[in-house]
Amino acid sequence: MKREDIEKLVGQEKANYLLNHESKTISKEQLHLPNKKFIDRVWVNSNRNIQTLRNLQWIADNGRLGGTGYVSILPVDQGIEHSAGASFSPNVPMFDPENIVKLAMEGGCNAVASTFGVLGIVARKYAHKIPFIVKINHNEFISYPNSYDQISFGKVKDAWNMGAAAVGATIYFGSEESKRQIVQVAEAFEYAHELGMATVLWCYLRNSSFKKDGVDYHTAADLTGQANHLGVTIQADIIKQKLPETNGGYNAINFGKTHKKVYSELTTDHPIDLCRYQVANCYMGRVGLINSGGASSGATDLAEAVSTAIINKRAGGMGLISGRKAFQRPLKEGVHLLNAIQDVYLSKDVTIA
């Protein structure tokens, strides 16, 4: 994807804002940036066993971004997290799990992330063709009144038996249930590593007090950065995080601990600098940061996805994990959107800020 293509998609003013920015907070020289030898340079020195390194390499080598160090992942756990009706009615063929895997493959993704049920029912046909990331916990969305908790839906060994390359999990950091979730996921990740699978953590925040004076700090850079730091502490190999949309959560809510330099030197109000702070909290990029693509907005999805990919890449992130924007539209359109995201990471015109 060339600069002129980006300008056509997002507009010249926004393209200039995103592509001309030079980050003067945390220098790119301090980061461990994605590259074709990322596994050898970063992970070979870790405590991950040989089988885990092999699966990390398989994910890194698969799809259109194979060999670049960047990843594009299709995540489809919304059938549980948001209800199947709400998620798949816009594109009825996606009620069939095989079409989810086909979209990931035809879309050139490095991996497909979904539930035990979705991946298990087609595992024998596809587990050797595209890396599976089995999501082991979910927020079930049928209890009334709705509650928000991540509970286990299966065992790590089941994911290994179906040939998964990795397991994924969510922790709602900041919630009343987060302490239990941290312990459960830490134990699950430890076992996954013993079996040779990689680990992906959805590092989300969840607390009604994180909304203050009309501002939602669930996506604040300082709070999501700390969630990332907790995620890498329990040895996630890849961190999935929402793109930061604000900052100053600690100060606004008046809790926890922070430092004035976080706001005066390590971040600005530019989205690339806010995202870079997230990368810094992933051990300066040793653990890859992938940002989520967000909900489908319709006609603006392509431009939004490309913008998010630019921010992530220029900040030093590892890639994008985009679901609803891709699977809630016809196959050809979904493939086109996924390829556009990937083209950002393949583009020489999109450099590290």
Protein backbone atom coordinates (compact mmCIF):
# COMPACT_ATOMS: atom_id res chain seq x y z
CA MET A 1 0.00 0.00 0.00
CA LYS A 2 1.52 3.28 -1.12
CA ARG A 3 1.03 6.65 0.49
CA GLU A 4 -1.34 7.81 -2.23
CA ASP A 5 -3.54 4.77 -1.58
CA ILE A 6 -3.66 5.63 2.11
CA GLU A 7 -4.53 9.24 1.31
CA LYS A 8 -7.45 8.09 -0.83
CA LEU A 9 -8.75 5.89 1.97
CA VAL A 10 -8.39 8.13 5.03
CA GLY A 11 -8.01 11.56 3.47
CA GLN A 12 -4.89 13.63 2.96
CA GLU A 13 -5.14 15.51 6.26
CA LYS A 14 -5.40 12.36 8.37
CA ALA A 15 -2.74 10.61 6.29
CA ASN A 16 -0.35 13.49 6.96
CA TYR A 17 -1.23 13.41 10.67
CA LEU A 18 -0.44 9.70 10.93
CA LEU A 19 2.40 9.29 8.44
CA ASN A 20 4.39 12.46 9.13
CA HIS A 21 4.48 12.14 12.91
CA GLU A 22 7.90 11.74 14.53
CA SER A 23 7.75 10.27 18.00
CA LYS A 24 9.89 12.14 20.54
CA THR A 25 8.77 10.23 23.62
CA ILE A 26 10.26 6.74 23.69
CA SER A 27 12.72 6.40 20.81
CA LYS A 28 12.30 3.60 18.30
CA GLU A 29 15.94 2.65 18.91
CA GLN A 30 14.95 1.46 22.39
CA LEU A 31 12.31 -0.91 21.04
CA HIS A 32 12.53 -4.54 19.95
CA LEU A 33 10.82 -4.11 16.59
CA PRO A 34 9.19 -6.91 14.60
CA ASN A 35 11.41 -8.40 11.93
CA LYS A 36 11.97 -11.70 10.15
CA LYS A 37 14.43 -12.87 12.83
CA PHE A 38 12.26 -11.83 15.78
CA ILE A 39 11.99 -15.35 17.22
CA ASP A 40 15.76 -15.85 17.06
CA ARG A 41 16.59 -12.43 18.46
CA VAL A 42 14.04 -12.27 21.27
CA TRP A 43 12.43 -15.59 22.11
CA VAL A 44 15.40 -17.92 21.73
CA ASN A 45 16.83 -16.44 24.93
CA SER A 46 13.63 -16.97 26.91
CA ASN A 47 12.38 -19.89 29.01
CA ARG A 48 9.98 -21.01 26.26
CA ASN A 49 10.61 -24.58 25.19
CA ILE A 50 11.49 -25.75 21.70
CA GLN A 51 7.93 -26.69 20.79
CA THR A 52 6.65 -23.25 21.82
CA LEU A 53 9.35 -21.57 19.73
CA ARG A 54 8.34 -23.72 16.80
CA ASN A 55 4.70 -22.70 17.11
CA LEU A 56 5.62 -19.03 17.47
CA GLN A 57 7.70 -19.40 14.30
CA TRP A 58 4.82 -21.14 12.49
CA ILE A 59 2.50 -18.26 13.32
CA ALA A 60 5.15 -15.75 12.23
CA ASP A 61 5.81 -17.56 8.94
CA ASN A 62 2.18 -18.13 7.90
CA GLY A 63 -0.01 -15.99 5.65
CA ARG A 64 0.71 -12.89 3.59
CA LEU A 65 2.80 -11.36 6.37
CA GLY A 66 4.86 -14.52 6.82
CA GLY A 67 8.54 -13.76 7.34
CA THR A 68 8.06 -10.07 8.19
CA GLY A 69 7.69 -10.33 11.97
CA TYR A 70 4.19 -8.85 11.73
CA VAL A 71 0.94 -10.75 12.22
CA SER A 72 -2.64 -10.45 11.03
CA ILE A 73 -5.07 -12.58 13.03
CA LEU A 74 -8.79 -13.22 12.53
CA PRO A 75 -10.53 -13.48 15.94
CA VAL A 76 -14.08 -14.86 16.13
CA ASP A 77 -15.19 -15.44 19.70
CA GLN A 78 -18.06 -12.95 19.45
CA GLY A 79 -20.63 -15.74 19.21
CA ILE A 80 -20.17 -16.08 22.96
CA GLU A 81 -18.93 -12.64 23.92
CA HIS A 82 -21.68 -10.74 22.10
CA SER A 83 -24.17 -13.56 21.21
CA ALA A 84 -24.28 -15.51 17.97
CA GLY A 85 -27.36 -13.69 16.73
CA ALA A 86 -25.82 -10.26 17.15
CA SER A 87 -22.52 -11.36 15.64
CA PHE A 88 -23.48 -13.58 12.70
CA SER A 89 -26.88 -12.30 11.55
CA PRO A 90 -25.20 -9.59 9.45
CA ASN A 91 -23.45 -12.40 7.51
CA VAL A 92 -25.36 -15.66 7.95
CA PRO A 93 -22.71 -18.05 6.48
CA MET A 94 -20.53 -17.31 9.52
CA PHE A 95 -22.84 -19.40 11.69
CA ASP A 96 -20.88 -22.28 10.05
CA PRO A 97 -17.41 -22.56 11.68
CA GLU A 98 -15.78 -23.74 8.46
CA ASN A 99 -16.47 -20.38 6.85
CA ILE A 100 -14.62 -18.64 9.68
CA VAL A 101 -11.50 -20.70 9.02
CA LYS A 102 -11.86 -20.26 5.26
CA LEU A 103 -12.01 -16.47 5.68
CA ALA A 104 -8.79 -16.53 7.72
CA MET A 105 -7.04 -18.67 5.12
CA GLU A 106 -8.28 -16.84 2.03
CA GLY A 107 -7.65 -13.55 3.80
CA GLY A 108 -3.96 -14.44 4.21
CA CYS A 109 -4.00 -14.34 8.01
CA ASN A 110 -1.17 -15.69 10.15
CA ALA A 111 -3.67 -17.46 12.42
CA VAL A 112 -7.33 -17.83 13.32
CA ALA A 113 -8.52 -17.37 16.92
CA SER A 114 -11.84 -18.80 18.05
CA THR A 115 -13.65 -21.02 20.53
CA PHE A 116 -13.23 -24.69 21.41
CA GLY A 117 -16.42 -25.44 19.49
CA VAL A 118 -15.65 -23.50 16.33
CA LEU A 119 -12.10 -24.80 15.90
CA GLY A 120 -12.74 -28.26 17.31
CA ILE A 121 -15.46 -29.14 14.83
CA VAL A 122 -13.15 -28.53 11.83
CA ALA A 123 -9.80 -29.32 13.46
CA ARG A 124 -9.01 -32.50 11.54
CA LYS A 125 -9.45 -30.70 8.24
CA TYR A 126 -7.68 -27.42 9.01
CA ALA A 127 -5.44 -27.54 12.11
CA HIS A 128 -2.41 -28.41 9.97
CA LYS A 129 -3.19 -25.74 7.36
CA ILE A 130 -3.44 -22.61 9.48
CA PRO A 131 -2.34 -22.02 13.09
CA PHE A 132 -5.24 -22.33 15.55
CA ILE A 133 -5.46 -20.06 18.60
CA VAL A 134 -8.04 -21.60 20.90
CA LYS A 135 -9.74 -19.12 23.24
CA ILE A 136 -10.08 -20.93 26.57
CA ASN A 137 -12.29 -18.46 28.50
CA HIS A 138 -15.19 -16.18 27.71
CA ASN A 139 -17.74 -13.77 29.10
CA GLU A 140 -20.95 -15.75 28.50
CA PHE A 141 -23.70 -13.33 27.61
CA ILE A 142 -26.97 -15.09 28.37
CA SER A 143 -27.23 -14.85 32.18
CA TYR A 144 -29.83 -12.33 33.28
CA PRO A 145 -29.15 -9.75 34.40
CA ASN A 146 -25.96 -9.61 32.35
CA SER A 147 -22.78 -10.14 34.31
CA TYR A 148 -19.22 -9.58 33.18
CA ASP A 149 -16.75 -12.29 34.06
CA GLN A 150 -14.34 -14.53 32.18
CA ILE A 151 -14.93 -18.21 32.89
CA SER A 152 -13.18 -21.30 31.52
CA PHE A 153 -14.92 -23.08 28.65
CA GLY A 154 -12.46 -25.95 28.29
CA LYS A 155 -9.04 -27.27 29.16
CA VAL A 156 -5.64 -26.43 27.75
CA LYS A 157 -5.05 -30.10 26.98
CA ASP A 158 -8.13 -30.10 24.74
CA ALA A 159 -6.62 -27.27 22.70
CA TRP A 160 -3.38 -29.24 22.39
CA ASN A 161 -5.29 -32.36 21.31
CA MET A 162 -6.92 -30.49 18.44
CA GLY A 163 -3.50 -29.38 17.19
CA ALA A 164 -3.63 -25.75 18.32
CA ALA A 165 -0.51 -23.64 17.92
CA ALA A 166 -1.57 -21.35 20.76
CA VAL A 167 -4.19 -20.67 23.39
CA GLY A 168 -5.81 -17.33 24.06
CA ALA A 169 -7.51 -15.91 27.13
CA THR A 170 -9.02 -12.69 28.42
CA ILE A 171 -8.50 -11.00 31.78
CA TYR A 172 -10.74 -8.13 32.88
CA PHE A 173 -8.09 -6.15 34.74
CA GLY A 174 -9.53 -3.85 37.37
CA SER A 175 -12.66 -5.93 37.92
CA GLU A 176 -13.67 -7.63 41.16
CA GLU A 177 -13.00 -10.99 39.50
CA SER A 178 -9.57 -10.06 38.12
CA LYS A 179 -7.51 -11.66 40.89
CA ARG A 180 -9.11 -15.07 40.23
CA GLN A 181 -8.77 -14.57 36.48
CA ILE A 182 -5.07 -13.70 36.80
CA VAL A 183 -4.37 -16.88 38.76
CA GLN A 184 -6.42 -19.08 36.40
CA VAL A 185 -4.89 -17.67 33.23
CA ALA A 186 -1.35 -17.72 34.64
CA GLU A 187 -1.73 -21.41 35.46
CA ALA A 188 -3.27 -22.12 32.06
CA PHE A 189 -0.44 -20.30 30.25
CA GLU A 190 2.17 -22.18 32.25
CA TYR A 191 0.63 -25.49 31.19
CA ALA A 192 0.26 -24.34 27.58
CA HIS A 193 3.96 -23.56 27.48
CA GLU A 194 4.77 -26.97 28.95
CA LEU A 195 2.80 -28.54 26.09
CA GLY A 196 4.60 -26.34 23.54
CA MET A 197 1.84 -23.90 22.67
CA ALA A 198 2.15 -20.13 22.48
CA THR A 199 -0.06 -17.81 24.55
CA VAL A 200 -2.12 -14.76 23.57
CA LEU A 201 -3.73 -12.53 26.21
CA TRP A 202 -6.66 -10.18 25.66
CA CYS A 203 -5.67 -7.48 28.21
CA TYR A 204 -8.95 -5.66 28.73
CA LEU A 205 -10.06 -3.34 31.51
CA ARG A 206 -13.47 -3.65 33.17
CA ASN A 207 -14.69 -1.45 36.01
CA SER A 208 -17.61 0.98 36.08
CA SER A 209 -15.41 3.40 38.06
CA PHE A 210 -13.14 3.74 35.04
CA LYS A 211 -15.77 6.10 33.59
CA LYS A 212 -15.40 9.53 35.17
CA ASP A 213 -17.05 12.85 34.36
CA GLY A 214 -18.26 11.59 31.01
CA VAL A 215 -14.86 10.21 29.93
CA ASP A 216 -14.29 6.48 29.46
CA TYR A 217 -10.81 5.56 30.68
CA HIS A 218 -11.06 1.88 29.76
CA THR A 219 -8.84 2.72 26.79
CA ALA A 220 -6.54 5.19 28.56
CA ALA A 221 -2.89 4.70 27.63
CA ASP A 222 -1.68 4.69 31.23
CA LEU A 223 -4.23 2.09 32.39
CA THR A 224 -4.02 -0.16 29.34
CA GLY A 225 -0.24 0.08 29.52
CA GLN A 226 -0.32 -1.30 33.06
CA ALA A 227 -2.72 -4.05 31.96
CA ASN A 228 -0.17 -4.97 29.29
CA HIS A 229 2.59 -5.05 31.88
CA LEU A 230 0.56 -7.45 34.01
CA GLY A 231 -0.08 -9.57 30.92
CA VAL A 232 3.58 -9.99 30.05
CA THR A 233 4.28 -10.72 33.71
CA ILE A 234 2.21 -13.91 33.49
CA GLN A 235 4.19 -14.77 30.32
CA ALA A 236 1.82 -14.00 27.51
CA ASP A 237 3.72 -14.28 24.22
CA ILE A 238 1.43 -11.83 22.41
CA ILE A 239 -0.68 -9.08 23.97
CA LYS A 240 -3.99 -8.03 22.46
CA GLN A 241 -5.08 -4.56 23.51
CA LYS A 242 -7.57 -1.93 22.40
CA LEU A 243 -6.03 1.12 20.77
CA PRO A 244 -5.64 3.90 23.35
CA GLU A 245 -8.14 6.71 22.88
CA THR A 246 -7.28 8.85 25.90
CA ASN A 247 -4.82 9.11 28.78
CA GLY A 248 -4.61 10.14 32.43
CA GLY A 249 -6.82 7.44 33.88
CA TYR A 250 -4.86 7.14 37.11
CA ASN A 251 -5.12 10.86 37.84
CA ALA A 252 -8.74 11.25 36.81
CA ILE A 253 -9.95 8.31 38.89
CA ASN A 254 -7.42 9.09 41.65
CA PHE A 255 -6.21 5.58 42.43
CA GLY A 256 -3.13 3.41 42.10
CA LYS A 257 0.31 4.82 41.38
CA THR A 258 1.76 6.60 38.41
CA HIS A 259 4.47 9.18 37.67
CA LYS A 260 4.32 12.67 36.17
CA LYS A 261 6.85 11.68 33.49
CA VAL A 262 4.30 9.24 32.04
CA TYR A 263 2.35 12.30 30.88
CA SER A 264 5.09 14.91 30.42
CA GLU A 265 7.76 12.84 28.66
CA LEU A 266 6.61 9.32 27.79
CA THR A 267 3.33 10.22 26.07
CA THR A 268 1.65 13.02 24.13
CA ASP A 269 -1.91 13.26 22.87
CA HIS A 270 -0.90 11.77 19.49
CA PRO A 271 -2.34 8.24 19.01
CA ILE A 272 1.01 6.85 17.88
CA ASP A 273 2.72 8.06 21.07
CA LEU A 274 -0.11 6.68 23.20
CA CYS A 275 0.20 3.31 21.47
CA ARG A 276 3.99 3.40 21.88
CA TYR A 277 3.49 3.59 25.63
CA GLN A 278 1.48 0.36 25.34
CA VAL A 279 4.38 -1.20 23.41
CA ALA A 280 6.85 -0.04 26.08
CA ASN A 281 4.82 -1.87 28.71
CA CYS A 282 5.19 -5.06 26.67
CA TYR A 283 8.86 -5.20 27.69
CA MET A 284 9.77 -2.60 25.06
CA GLY A 285 8.29 -4.77 22.33
CA ARG A 286 9.89 -8.07 23.32
CA VAL A 287 6.31 -9.29 23.66
CA GLY A 288 4.38 -8.32 20.55
CA LEU A 289 1.48 -5.87 20.83
CA ILE A 290 -1.47 -6.45 18.54
CA ASN A 291 -4.30 -3.93 18.64
CA SER A 292 -7.92 -4.88 18.08
CA GLY A 293 -9.81 -3.71 15.03
CA GLY A 294 -12.98 -2.80 16.94
CA ALA A 295 -16.64 -3.11 16.05
CA SER A 296 -17.97 -2.83 12.53
CA SER A 297 -19.18 0.66 11.64
CA GLY A 298 -20.20 -0.12 8.07
CA ALA A 299 -18.90 2.05 5.25
CA THR A 300 -16.00 3.46 7.28
CA ASP A 301 -14.59 0.07 8.33
CA LEU A 302 -11.82 -0.05 5.73
CA ALA A 303 -10.51 3.42 6.52
CA GLU A 304 -10.70 2.75 10.28
CA ALA A 305 -8.87 -0.56 9.95
CA VAL A 306 -6.08 0.96 7.85
CA SER A 307 -5.71 3.86 10.30
CA THR A 308 -5.46 1.50 13.26
CA ALA A 309 -2.86 -0.60 11.44
CA ILE A 310 -0.78 2.51 10.69
CA ILE A 311 -0.87 3.60 14.34
CA ASN A 312 0.09 0.15 15.57
CA LYS A 313 2.93 -0.31 13.09
CA ARG A 314 4.39 3.18 13.49
CA ALA A 315 4.23 2.82 17.28
CA GLY A 316 6.28 -0.39 17.14
CA GLY A 317 3.45 -2.90 17.44
CA MET A 318 3.35 -6.38 15.94
CA GLY A 319 0.07 -6.31 14.06
CA LEU A 320 -3.68 -6.21 14.08
CA ILE A 321 -6.37 -8.64 15.19
CA SER A 322 -9.56 -7.69 13.36
CA GLY A 323 -12.77 -9.69 13.52
CA ARG A 324 -16.17 -8.06 13.07
CA LYS A 325 -15.00 -5.66 10.42
CA ALA A 326 -14.04 -8.70 8.32
CA PHE A 327 -16.45 -11.54 9.16
CA GLN A 328 -19.64 -9.44 9.21
CA ARG A 329 -19.42 -8.85 5.47
CA PRO A 330 -19.37 -11.12 2.38
CA LEU A 331 -16.25 -13.26 1.94
CA LYS A 332 -14.76 -11.24 -0.91
CA GLU A 333 -15.18 -7.98 1.02
CA GLY A 334 -13.81 -9.54 4.21
CA VAL A 335 -10.73 -10.77 2.37
CA HIS A 336 -10.25 -7.32 0.84
CA LEU A 337 -10.33 -5.67 4.27
CA LEU A 338 -7.89 -8.16 5.79
CA ASN A 339 -5.54 -7.71 2.83
CA ALA A 340 -5.68 -3.93 3.20
CA ILE A 341 -4.58 -4.25 6.83
CA GLN A 342 -1.75 -6.53 5.79
CA ASP A 343 -0.71 -4.15 3.03
CA VAL A 344 0.00 -1.50 5.67
CA TYR A 345 2.56 -3.79 7.32
CA LEU A 346 4.04 -4.67 3.93
CA SER A 347 4.28 -1.01 2.89
CA LYS A 348 7.65 0.70 2.82
CA ASP A 349 5.83 4.03 2.98
CA VAL A 350 4.62 3.24 6.53
CA THR A 351 7.73 3.53 8.69
CA ILE A 352 8.38 3.40 12.44
CA ALA A 353 7.74 6.83 13.96
